[in-house]
C-alpha atoms as a PDB file:
ATOM      1  CA  MET A   1     -16.661 -47.997  82.259  1.00  0.00           C
ATOM      2  CA  LYS A   2     -16.759 -46.350  85.719  1.00  0.00           C
ATOM      3  CA  LYS A   3     -18.315 -49.498  87.153  1.00  0.00           C
ATOM      4  CA  ILE A   4     -15.485 -51.670  85.789  1.00  0.00           C
ATOM      5  CA  ILE A   5     -12.791 -49.349  87.227  1.00  0.00           C
ATOM      6  CA  ILE A   6     -14.457 -49.225  90.663  1.00  0.00           C
ATOM      7  CA  THR A   7     -14.880 -53.037  90.710  1.00  0.00           C
ATOM      8  CA  THR A   8     -11.235 -53.564  89.717  1.00  0.00           C
ATOM      9  CA  VAL A   9      -9.944 -51.147  92.388  1.00  0.00           C
ATOM     10  CA  ALA A  10     -12.135 -52.803  95.033  1.00  0.00           C
ATOM     11  CA  MET A  11     -10.861 -56.273  94.097  1.00  0.00           C
ATOM     12  CA  LEU A  12      -7.204 -55.167  94.131  1.00  0.00           C
ATOM     13  CA  GLY A  13      -7.699 -53.457  97.467  1.00  0.00           C
ATOM     14  CA  SER A  14      -9.177 -56.585  99.003  1.00  0.00           C
ATOM     15  CA  ILE A  15      -6.375 -58.773  97.622  1.00  0.00           C
ATOM     16  CA  THR A  16      -3.595 -56.517  98.933  1.00  0.00           C
ATOM     17  CA  SER A  17      -5.196 -56.102 102.344  1.00  0.00           C
ATOM     18  CA  TRP A  18      -5.592 -59.850 102.982  1.00  0.00           C
ATOM     19  CA  ALA A  19      -3.486 -61.149 105.879  1.00  0.00           C
ATOM     20  CA  ASP A  20      -2.489 -64.654 106.851  1.00  0.00           C
ATOM     21  CA  LEU A  21      -2.833 -65.504 110.553  1.00  0.00           C
ATOM     22  CA  LYS A  22      -0.795 -68.530 111.627  1.00  0.00           C
ATOM     23  CA  PRO A  23      -0.176 -70.073 115.039  1.00  0.00           C
ATOM     24  CA  MET A  24       3.195 -69.139 116.554  1.00  0.00           C
ATOM     25  CA  ALA A  25       5.627 -71.572 118.123  1.00  0.00           C
ATOM     26  CA  GLU A  26       6.360 -71.068 121.840  1.00  0.00           C
ATOM     27  CA  GLU A  27       9.903 -69.820 121.075  1.00  0.00           C
ATOM     28  CA  GLU A  28       8.582 -67.256 118.577  1.00  0.00           C
ATOM     29  CA  LEU A  29       5.957 -66.063 121.045  1.00  0.00           C
ATOM     30  CA  GLN A  30       8.513 -65.602 123.844  1.00  0.00           C
ATOM     31  CA  ALA A  31      10.732 -63.548 121.535  1.00  0.00           C
ATOM     32  CA  GLN A  32       7.952 -61.033 120.848  1.00  0.00           C
ATOM     33  CA  THR A  33       8.018 -57.712 122.700  1.00  0.00           C
ATOM     34  CA  GLY A  34       5.366 -55.093 122.982  1.00  0.00           C
ATOM     35  CA  GLN A  35       3.899 -52.249 124.931  1.00  0.00           C
ATOM     36  CA  THR A  36       1.824 -52.855 128.017  1.00  0.00           C
ATOM     37  CA  GLY A  37      -1.212 -50.731 128.675  1.00  0.00           C
ATOM     38  CA  ILE A  38      -3.100 -48.621 126.176  1.00  0.00           C
ATOM     39  CA  THR A  39      -2.698 -45.206 124.625  1.00  0.00           C
ATOM     40  CA  ILE A  40      -5.823 -43.187 123.904  1.00  0.00           C
ATOM     41  CA  SER A  41      -6.261 -40.214 121.625  1.00  0.00           C
ATOM     42  CA  ALA A  42      -9.764 -38.788 121.537  1.00  0.00           C
ATOM     43  CA  LYS A  43     -11.732 -35.737 120.536  1.00  0.00           C
ATOM     44  CA  MET A  44     -15.107 -34.989 122.069  1.00  0.00           C
ATOM     45  CA  GLU A  45     -17.345 -32.598 120.171  1.00  0.00           C
ATOM     46  CA  PHE A  46     -20.439 -31.218 121.867  1.00  0.00           C
ATOM     47  CA  GLY A  47     -23.375 -30.160 119.718  1.00  0.00           C
ATOM     48  CA  GLU A  48     -25.571 -27.213 120.522  1.00  0.00           C
ATOM     49  CA  ASP A  49     -27.418 -27.569 123.848  1.00  0.00           C
ATOM     50  CA  THR A  50     -25.536 -30.698 124.998  1.00  0.00           C
ATOM     51  CA  ARG A  51     -26.276 -31.589 128.619  1.00  0.00           C
ATOM     52  CA  ILE A  52     -24.311 -33.919 130.880  1.00  0.00           C
ATOM     53  CA  SER A  53     -26.115 -35.046 134.046  1.00  0.00           C
ATOM     54  CA  TYR A  54     -24.563 -37.199 136.777  1.00  0.00           C
ATOM     55  CA  SER A  55     -25.899 -38.580 140.031  1.00  0.00           C
ATOM     56  CA  ASN A  56     -24.115 -40.998 142.339  1.00  0.00           C
ATOM     57  CA  THR A  57     -26.751 -43.609 143.048  1.00  0.00           C
ATOM     58  CA  ASP A  58     -24.435 -45.409 145.506  1.00  0.00           C
ATOM     59  CA  ALA A  59     -24.042 -42.357 147.756  1.00  0.00           C
ATOM     60  CA  SER A  60     -25.601 -42.210 151.203  1.00  0.00           C
ATOM     61  CA  TYR A  61     -27.097 -38.715 151.282  1.00  0.00           C
ATOM     62  CA  ALA A  62     -27.826 -37.204 154.694  1.00  0.00           C
ATOM     63  CA  ASP A  63     -31.231 -35.903 153.545  1.00  0.00           C
ATOM     64  CA  ALA A  64     -32.081 -39.019 151.456  1.00  0.00           C
ATOM     65  CA  GLN A  65     -32.648 -36.895 148.309  1.00  0.00           C
ATOM     66  CA  GLN A  66     -30.795 -37.778 145.135  1.00  0.00           C
ATOM     67  CA  THR A  67     -28.539 -34.906 144.019  1.00  0.00           C
ATOM     68  CA  TRP A  68     -27.484 -34.228 140.427  1.00  0.00           C
ATOM     69  CA  LEU A  69     -24.462 -32.466 138.937  1.00  0.00           C
ATOM     70  CA  VAL A  70     -25.550 -30.938 135.623  1.00  0.00           C
ATOM     71  CA  ILE A  71     -23.385 -29.310 132.943  1.00  0.00           C
ATOM     72  CA  ASP A  72     -25.983 -27.511 130.852  1.00  0.00           C
ATOM     73  CA  LYS A  73     -25.969 -26.129 127.295  1.00  0.00           C
ATOM     74  CA  MET A  74     -22.448 -27.173 126.421  1.00  0.00           C
ATOM     75  CA  THR A  75     -20.782 -26.527 123.034  1.00  0.00           C
ATOM     76  CA  GLY A  76     -17.318 -26.798 121.476  1.00  0.00           C
ATOM     77  CA  SER A  77     -14.743 -29.562 121.651  1.00  0.00           C
ATOM     78  CA  ILE A  78     -11.856 -30.931 123.689  1.00  0.00           C
ATOM     79  CA  GLU A  79      -9.095 -33.157 122.289  1.00  0.00           C
ATOM     80  CA  MET A  80      -6.269 -35.081 123.905  1.00  0.00           C
ATOM     81  CA  LYS A  81      -3.565 -37.044 122.173  1.00  0.00           C
ATOM     82  CA  GLY A  82      -1.561 -39.759 123.867  1.00  0.00           C
ATOM     83  CA  LEU A  83      -3.245 -40.401 127.240  1.00  0.00           C
ATOM     84  CA  LYS A  84      -1.517 -43.566 128.489  1.00  0.00           C
ATOM     85  CA  ILE A  85      -3.139 -46.016 130.882  1.00  0.00           C
ATOM     86  CA  ASP A  86      -1.187 -48.888 132.402  1.00  0.00           C
ATOM     87  CA  LEU A  87      -1.268 -51.217 135.393  1.00  0.00           C
ATOM     88  CA  GLU A  88       1.921 -51.188 137.463  1.00  0.00           C
ATOM     89  CA  SER A  89       2.776 -53.531 140.313  1.00  0.00           C
ATOM     90  CA  GLY A  90       5.505 -53.565 142.964  1.00  0.00           C
ATOM     91  CA  LEU A  91       4.493 -50.159 144.354  1.00  0.00           C
ATOM     92  CA  GLY A  92       4.124 -48.972 147.947  1.00  0.00           C
ATOM     93  CA  PRO A  93       6.529 -49.183 150.903  1.00  0.00           C
ATOM     94  CA  GLN A  94       6.556 -52.998 150.867  1.00  0.00           C
ATOM     95  CA  GLY A  95       6.323 -53.266 147.085  1.00  0.00           C
ATOM     96  CA  ASP A  96       3.072 -55.237 147.399  1.00  0.00           C
ATOM     97  CA  LYS A  97       0.640 -52.738 145.844  1.00  0.00           C
ATOM     98  CA  SER A  98      -0.576 -52.275 142.291  1.00  0.00           C
ATOM     99  CA  ALA A  99      -1.990 -49.112 140.766  1.00  0.00           C
ATOM    100  CA  LEU A 100      -3.675 -47.915 137.630  1.00  0.00           C
ATOM    101  CA  VAL A 101      -1.239 -45.335 136.241  1.00  0.00           C
ATOM    102  CA  MET A 102      -2.429 -42.628 133.879  1.00  0.00           C
ATOM    103  CA  THR A 103       0.202 -40.546 132.082  1.00  0.00           C
ATOM    104  CA  LEU A 104      -1.480 -37.338 130.967  1.00  0.00           C
ATOM    105  CA  PRO A 105      -0.853 -35.895 127.515  1.00  0.00           C
ATOM    106  CA  GLU A 106       1.419 -32.843 127.355  1.00  0.00           C
ATOM    107  CA  GLU A 107      -1.331 -30.836 125.661  1.00  0.00           C
ATOM    108  CA  ILE A 108      -5.100 -30.796 125.628  1.00  0.00           C
ATOM    109  CA  LEU A 109      -6.609 -28.843 122.740  1.00  0.00           C
ATOM    110  CA  VAL A 110      -9.781 -26.935 123.566  1.00  0.00           C
ATOM    111  CA  ASP A 111     -11.865 -25.341 120.802  1.00  0.00           C
ATOM    112  CA  HIS A 112     -14.496 -22.904 122.089  1.00  0.00           C
ATOM    113  CA  LEU A 113     -15.603 -25.201 124.927  1.00  0.00           C
ATOM    114  CA  ALA A 114     -18.385 -23.348 126.706  1.00  0.00           C
ATOM    115  CA  THR A 115     -21.350 -23.947 128.977  1.00  0.00           C
ATOM    116  CA  GLU A 116     -24.054 -21.653 130.267  1.00  0.00           C
ATOM    117  CA  GLY A 117     -23.716 -23.245 133.643  1.00  0.00           C
ATOM    118  CA  VAL A 118     -22.632 -26.037 135.936  1.00  0.00           C
ATOM    119  CA  TYR A 119     -25.368 -26.722 138.489  1.00  0.00           C
ATOM    120  CA  VAL A 120     -26.176 -28.914 141.477  1.00  0.00           C
ATOM    121  CA  GLY A 121     -29.812 -29.777 141.990  1.00  0.00           C
ATOM    122  CA  LEU A 122     -32.573 -32.273 142.568  1.00  0.00           C
ATOM    123  CA  SER A 123     -33.119 -33.324 138.943  1.00  0.00           C
ATOM    124  CA  GLU A 124     -31.128 -34.127 135.823  1.00  0.00           C
ATOM    125  CA  ASN A 125     -32.697 -31.286 133.813  1.00  0.00           C
ATOM    126  CA  VAL A 126     -32.036 -27.644 134.742  1.00  0.00           C
ATOM    127  CA  ASP A 127     -34.555 -25.822 132.554  1.00  0.00           C
ATOM    128  CA  SER A 128     -37.586 -27.962 133.295  1.00  0.00           C
ATOM    129  CA  VAL A 129     -40.558 -25.821 134.381  1.00  0.00           C
ATOM    130  CA  SER A 130     -41.520 -28.358 137.066  1.00  0.00           C
ATOM    131  CA  ASN A 131     -37.985 -28.216 138.517  1.00  0.00           C
ATOM    132  CA  SER A 132     -37.685 -24.428 138.526  1.00  0.00           C
ATOM    133  CA  GLY A 133     -35.595 -23.148 141.424  1.00  0.00           C
ATOM    134  CA  GLN A 134     -34.252 -26.590 142.390  1.00  0.00           C
ATOM    135  CA  HIS A 135     -30.715 -26.033 141.070  1.00  0.00           C
ATOM    136  CA  VAL A 136     -27.811 -23.986 142.400  1.00  0.00           C
ATOM    137  CA  PHE A 137     -25.583 -22.301 139.811  1.00  0.00           C
ATOM    138  CA  LEU A 138     -21.901 -23.099 140.500  1.00  0.00           C
ATOM    139  CA  MET A 139     -20.105 -21.608 137.499  1.00  0.00           C
ATOM    140  CA  GLY A 140     -20.060 -21.033 133.767  1.00  0.00           C
ATOM    141  CA  MET A 141     -17.092 -21.509 131.471  1.00  0.00           C
ATOM    142  CA  ASP A 142     -15.715 -20.473 128.117  1.00  0.00           C
ATOM    143  CA  ILE A 143     -12.316 -21.966 127.232  1.00  0.00           C
ATOM    144  CA  ASP A 144     -10.392 -21.739 123.967  1.00  0.00           C
ATOM    145  CA  GLY A 145      -6.764 -22.681 123.394  1.00  0.00           C
ATOM    146  CA  VAL A 146      -4.187 -25.198 124.532  1.00  0.00           C
ATOM    147  CA  LEU A 147      -3.889 -26.508 128.078  1.00  0.00           C
ATOM    148  CA  SER A 148      -0.230 -27.433 128.620  1.00  0.00           C
ATOM    149  CA  MET A 149       0.956 -29.799 131.332  1.00  0.00           C
ATOM    150  CA  PRO A 150       4.416 -30.739 132.520  1.00  0.00           C
ATOM    151  CA  ALA A 151       5.854 -33.684 130.583  1.00  0.00           C
ATOM    152  CA  GLU A 152       5.056 -37.152 131.891  1.00  0.00           C
ATOM    153  CA  THR A 153       2.515 -35.989 134.505  1.00  0.00           C
ATOM    154  CA  LYS A 154       1.273 -39.187 136.145  1.00  0.00           C
ATOM    155  CA  ILE A 155      -1.759 -40.004 138.232  1.00  0.00           C
ATOM    156  CA  ASN A 156      -1.645 -43.205 140.311  1.00  0.00           C
ATOM    157  CA  ILE A 157      -4.960 -44.729 141.315  1.00  0.00           C
ATOM    158  CA  PHE A 158      -4.670 -47.306 144.100  1.00  0.00           C
ATOM    159  CA  PRO A 159      -7.538 -49.669 144.987  1.00  0.00           C
ATOM    160  CA  ALA A 160      -8.826 -49.287 148.512  1.00  0.00           C
ATOM    161  CA  GLU A 161     -11.312 -51.089 150.678  1.00  0.00           C
ATOM    162  CA  LYS A 162     -14.662 -49.393 151.116  1.00  0.00           C
ATOM    163  CA  PRO A 163     -14.406 -47.247 154.261  1.00  0.00           C
ATOM    164  CA  VAL A 164     -16.980 -47.426 157.026  1.00  0.00           C
ATOM    165  CA  ILE A 165     -18.275 -43.923 157.837  1.00  0.00           C
ATOM    166  CA  ASN A 166     -20.386 -43.478 160.986  1.00  0.00           C
ATOM    167  CA  GLY A 167     -21.428 -47.125 160.874  1.00  0.00           C
ATOM    168  CA  LEU A 168     -22.821 -46.775 157.297  1.00  0.00           C
ATOM    169  CA  ASN A 169     -21.617 -48.960 154.423  1.00  0.00           C
END
């Protein structure tokens, strides 16, 4: 009997969720309005002993050694709702620039976000025996609560040409 009920519910669900996609006439398409850009809501949860390691492989280091930023032994979560990303044009003094515009959410929810340390060093792993002493401790953190921001805080990111520094590219 259970099997019959489950099969019937599954069939009804698939019938009611079926949609018909049809081509639109040019006039219908022009009449449509919508939102540009995207809106992102996300929650990142970090399991016990999560590590984030980053190295900029495109950087020109003075000492030719690759340097790593390591966030070690991270736990907790961080959640944002309603981060908006859009491309706007007609910006700048002459109105000839475009920018990626990020509108930050009014609140970021942080639930026991903690790390034993943020380090800079010569490898991607802080607690490796072979890399002992090759990392500099920058800070630790333990955050819990709501981070509030002014409404409609925007960040504009403008493209730029790659600068030439001391003759290096």
